[in-house]
Protein backbone atom coordinates (compact mmCIF):
# COMPACT_ATOMS: atom_id res chain seq x y z
CA MET A 1 -133.32 234.25 109.42
CA GLU A 2 -136.18 232.16 110.63
CA THR A 3 -136.63 231.20 106.53
CA ILE A 4 -133.09 229.67 106.99
CA ILE A 5 -133.63 228.11 110.65
CA THR A 6 -137.18 226.49 109.23
CA VAL A 7 -135.64 225.07 106.23
CA LEU A 8 -132.96 223.54 107.80
CA LEU A 9 -135.29 222.12 110.08
CA ILE A 10 -137.84 220.54 107.39
CA MET A 11 -134.35 218.82 105.85
CA ALA A 12 -133.27 217.31 109.04
CA LEU A 13 -137.12 215.89 110.10
CA THR A 14 -136.98 214.30 106.51
CA ILE A 15 -133.84 212.93 106.24
CA GLN A 16 -134.06 208.93 107.01
CA PRO A 17 -131.28 206.89 107.82
CA PRO A 18 -131.77 203.56 105.59
CA VAL A 19 -134.22 200.73 107.52
CA VAL A 20 -132.76 197.10 108.20
CA GLU A 21 -134.88 194.26 108.04
CA LYS A 22 -133.79 190.70 109.85
CA GLN A 23 -132.46 188.37 106.56
CA THR A 24 -134.24 185.21 106.50
CA GLU A 25 -134.33 182.37 103.93
CA LYS A 26 -136.76 183.97 101.68
CA THR A 27 -135.47 187.95 101.50
CA ALA A 28 -132.35 189.41 99.95
CA PRO A 29 -128.78 190.01 100.97
CA LEU A 30 -129.00 193.35 104.42
CA LYS A 31 -128.23 196.61 103.40
CA SER A 32 -126.51 197.70 106.26
CA ASN A 33 -127.57 200.50 108.75
CA TYR A 34 -124.56 202.15 108.90
CA THR A 35 -125.48 205.30 111.06
CA GLN A 36 -126.26 202.50 113.69
CA GLN A 37 -123.28 200.48 113.38
CA PHE A 38 -120.53 203.36 112.74
CA ASN A 39 -121.86 206.17 114.96
CA ILE A 40 -121.53 208.61 112.20
CA GLU A 41 -121.88 212.30 112.61
CA GLU A 42 -125.13 213.03 111.02
CA ASP A 43 -123.08 215.59 108.62
CA ILE A 44 -121.71 212.88 106.24
CA PRO A 45 -124.13 211.46 104.13
CA ALA A 46 -125.39 207.64 104.45
CA PRO A 47 -124.92 205.29 101.67
CA VAL A 48 -127.94 205.08 99.13
CA PRO A 49 -129.49 202.23 97.41
CA ASP A 50 -127.39 200.72 94.32
CA SER A 51 -130.05 202.21 92.08
CA GLU A 52 -129.56 206.16 93.15
CA ILE A 53 -125.55 205.69 92.98
CA VAL A 54 -124.33 208.97 91.60
CA GLU A 55 -120.99 209.81 90.97
CA ARG A 56 -119.36 211.51 94.27
CA GLU A 57 -116.26 213.38 95.08
CA PRO A 58 -113.24 211.92 96.96
CA ILE A 59 -113.69 211.54 100.41
CA TYR A 60 -110.69 209.89 101.56
CA ASN A 61 -108.09 212.65 102.32
CA PHE A 62 -105.29 210.35 100.42
CA SER A 63 -103.09 210.20 96.92
CA ILE A 64 -102.12 207.06 96.05
CA ASP A 65 -100.34 206.02 92.65
CA TYR A 66 -101.90 203.19 90.65
CA THR A 67 -102.18 202.03 87.52
CA GLU A 68 -104.75 200.44 84.97
CA GLU A 69 -103.29 197.07 85.49
CA GLU A 70 -103.81 197.53 89.34
CA VAL A 71 -107.64 198.56 88.63
CA TYR A 72 -107.74 195.15 86.90
CA LEU A 73 -106.42 193.84 89.25
CA LEU A 74 -108.00 194.60 92.63
CA ALA A 75 -111.40 193.66 90.18
CA GLN A 76 -110.08 190.71 89.78
CA LEU A 77 -109.74 190.54 93.81
CA ILE A 78 -113.22 191.69 94.38
CA THR A 79 -114.79 189.47 91.77
CA GLN A 80 -113.00 186.53 93.49
CA GLU A 81 -113.39 187.19 97.53
CA ALA A 82 -116.88 189.12 96.70
CA ASP A 83 -119.16 187.40 94.29
CA GLY A 84 -122.47 186.71 95.01
CA GLN A 85 -121.95 189.28 98.21
CA PRO A 86 -124.10 192.64 98.36
CA ARG A 87 -122.25 195.37 96.45
CA GLU A 88 -121.81 196.92 100.13
CA GLY A 89 -119.74 193.82 100.62
CA LYS A 90 -117.98 194.24 97.39
CA ILE A 91 -116.80 197.52 98.05
CA GLY A 92 -115.52 196.66 101.89
CA VAL A 93 -113.76 193.97 100.37
CA ALA A 94 -112.02 196.93 97.65
CA ASN A 95 -111.69 199.41 101.06
CA VAL A 96 -108.97 196.83 103.04
CA VAL A 97 -107.08 196.79 100.14
CA LEU A 98 -106.96 199.91 99.95
CA ASN A 99 -106.80 201.16 103.55
CA ARG A 100 -103.60 198.45 103.43
CA VAL A 101 -101.89 200.40 100.96
CA LEU A 102 -103.03 203.49 103.29
CA SER A 103 -101.57 201.56 106.68
CA GLU A 104 -97.90 201.67 108.45
CA TYR A 105 -99.16 198.20 109.62
CA PHE A 106 -98.41 196.68 106.30
CA ILE A 107 -94.95 197.29 103.99
CA GLU A 108 -96.62 197.02 101.09
CA ASP A 109 -97.13 200.15 99.22
CA ASN A 110 -99.01 199.63 96.26
CA VAL A 111 -102.40 197.85 95.25
CA THR A 112 -100.23 194.88 93.53
CA ASP A 113 -97.99 194.14 96.61
CA VAL A 114 -100.95 194.14 99.00
CA ILE A 115 -102.61 191.76 96.56
CA TYR A 116 -99.64 189.42 96.05
CA ALA A 117 -98.59 189.41 99.49
CA GLU A 118 -97.65 186.17 101.29
CA GLY A 119 -100.77 184.75 103.58
CA GLN A 120 -103.13 187.78 103.27
CA PHE A 121 -105.52 186.62 100.54
CA SER A 122 -106.17 182.89 100.17
CA GLY A 123 -106.63 183.13 96.60
CA ALA A 124 -104.47 185.57 95.79
CA GLN A 125 -102.19 182.83 93.61
CA CYS A 126 -104.92 182.51 91.56
CA VAL A 127 -106.93 185.70 91.28
CA LYS A 128 -104.67 186.27 88.15
CA TYR A 129 -107.09 184.08 86.10
CA VAL A 130 -110.66 185.50 87.46
CA GLU A 131 -112.25 187.36 84.87
CA PRO A 132 -113.77 190.52 86.77
CA THR A 133 -117.45 191.51 86.38
CA GLU A 134 -118.62 194.53 84.94
CA ASP A 135 -119.32 195.76 88.65
CA ALA A 136 -116.84 194.46 90.17
CA LEU A 137 -114.27 197.16 87.74
CA GLU A 138 -116.30 200.00 88.58
CA ILE A 139 -116.06 199.93 91.93
CA ALA A 140 -112.26 198.99 91.95
CA GLN A 141 -111.69 202.28 90.08
CA ASN A 142 -114.37 204.37 92.02
CA VAL A 143 -112.56 202.93 95.40
CA LEU A 144 -109.08 203.94 94.17
CA ASP A 145 -110.51 206.93 93.28
CA GLY A 146 -112.00 207.83 96.93
CA LYS A 147 -115.35 207.94 95.85
CA GLU A 148 -116.73 204.75 96.56
CA TYR A 149 -116.90 203.61 100.58
CA VAL A 150 -118.34 202.10 103.64
CA PHE A 151 -116.45 202.35 106.05
CA TYR A 152 -116.79 205.94 106.29
CA HIS A 153 -112.93 207.20 107.25
CA ASN A 154 -111.75 204.61 108.74
CA THR A 155 -108.62 203.30 107.20
CA ASP A 156 -108.24 201.10 110.60
CA VAL A 157 -110.55 198.48 108.87
CA LEU A 158 -107.94 195.80 107.45
CA PHE A 159 -109.10 192.39 107.28
CA PHE A 160 -112.27 190.56 106.65
CA ARG A 161 -113.08 186.92 106.32
CA ASN A 162 -116.61 184.81 105.76
CA PRO A 163 -116.38 183.05 109.13
CA GLY A 164 -119.91 181.95 109.17
CA GLU A 165 -122.18 181.98 111.79
CA GLY A 166 -121.63 184.16 114.11
CA ASN A 167 -119.68 186.28 112.54
CA GLU A 168 -119.85 189.91 114.84
CA SER A 169 -117.52 188.95 117.71
CA ASP A 170 -113.47 189.55 116.83
CA TRP A 171 -111.15 187.50 115.25
CA GLY A 172 -108.18 186.56 117.65
CA GLN A 173 -106.35 189.94 118.39
CA TYR A 174 -108.64 191.61 115.94
CA PRO A 175 -111.65 193.70 116.51
CA TRP A 176 -115.16 193.24 114.90
CA TYR A 177 -115.86 196.17 113.56
CA VAL A 178 -119.01 195.51 111.03
CA THR A 179 -120.51 192.30 109.03
CA ILE A 180 -121.70 193.08 105.33
CA GLY A 181 -123.68 190.58 103.49
CA ASP A 182 -121.20 187.27 104.47
CA HIS A 183 -118.08 188.85 105.33
CA ALA A 184 -116.93 190.36 109.02
CA PHE A 185 -114.98 193.32 108.51
CA TYR A 186 -112.24 193.97 111.49
CA THR A 187 -109.79 196.57 112.44
CA LYS A 188 -106.29 196.20 113.66
CA THR A 189 -107.03 197.33 116.99
């Protein structure tokens, strides 16, 4: 019993959350400290750097039907809305689409209808002309399979925008949740 407690104590002391540095014009985009920002319980793993991403078991308890065309369409939207953003920001955009598919707040219940819903994504009518990146294709597939996420079981994150400076505030009736790269993400309540 003492050995088990010692091993658990050593494991707990060696796991460190990622360190966040202030972004300047000369530094790379921020990698958010999700443990602090989301007040995550200790048993949920922190995100790993892109170079250490491994295949994960699905984490959302959901099941949606989607087609290969919808994976491609989601990848096109990710490329259009989040090209040049950190991987976590691209995943966040895809998570917003998935959360809307799962949400009772929106009547659309599939990826295509969510993306093309009137007034929702600024360039949705042009998205069909976008050539998705390989990274966006991988993210789209993984998010729809529940294997990549940034909001840790929070399916209420339904909106994002690129507000420029001072983006850590509410957006009308939508409370600010987190900023990743240039995008601020918001919940419905």
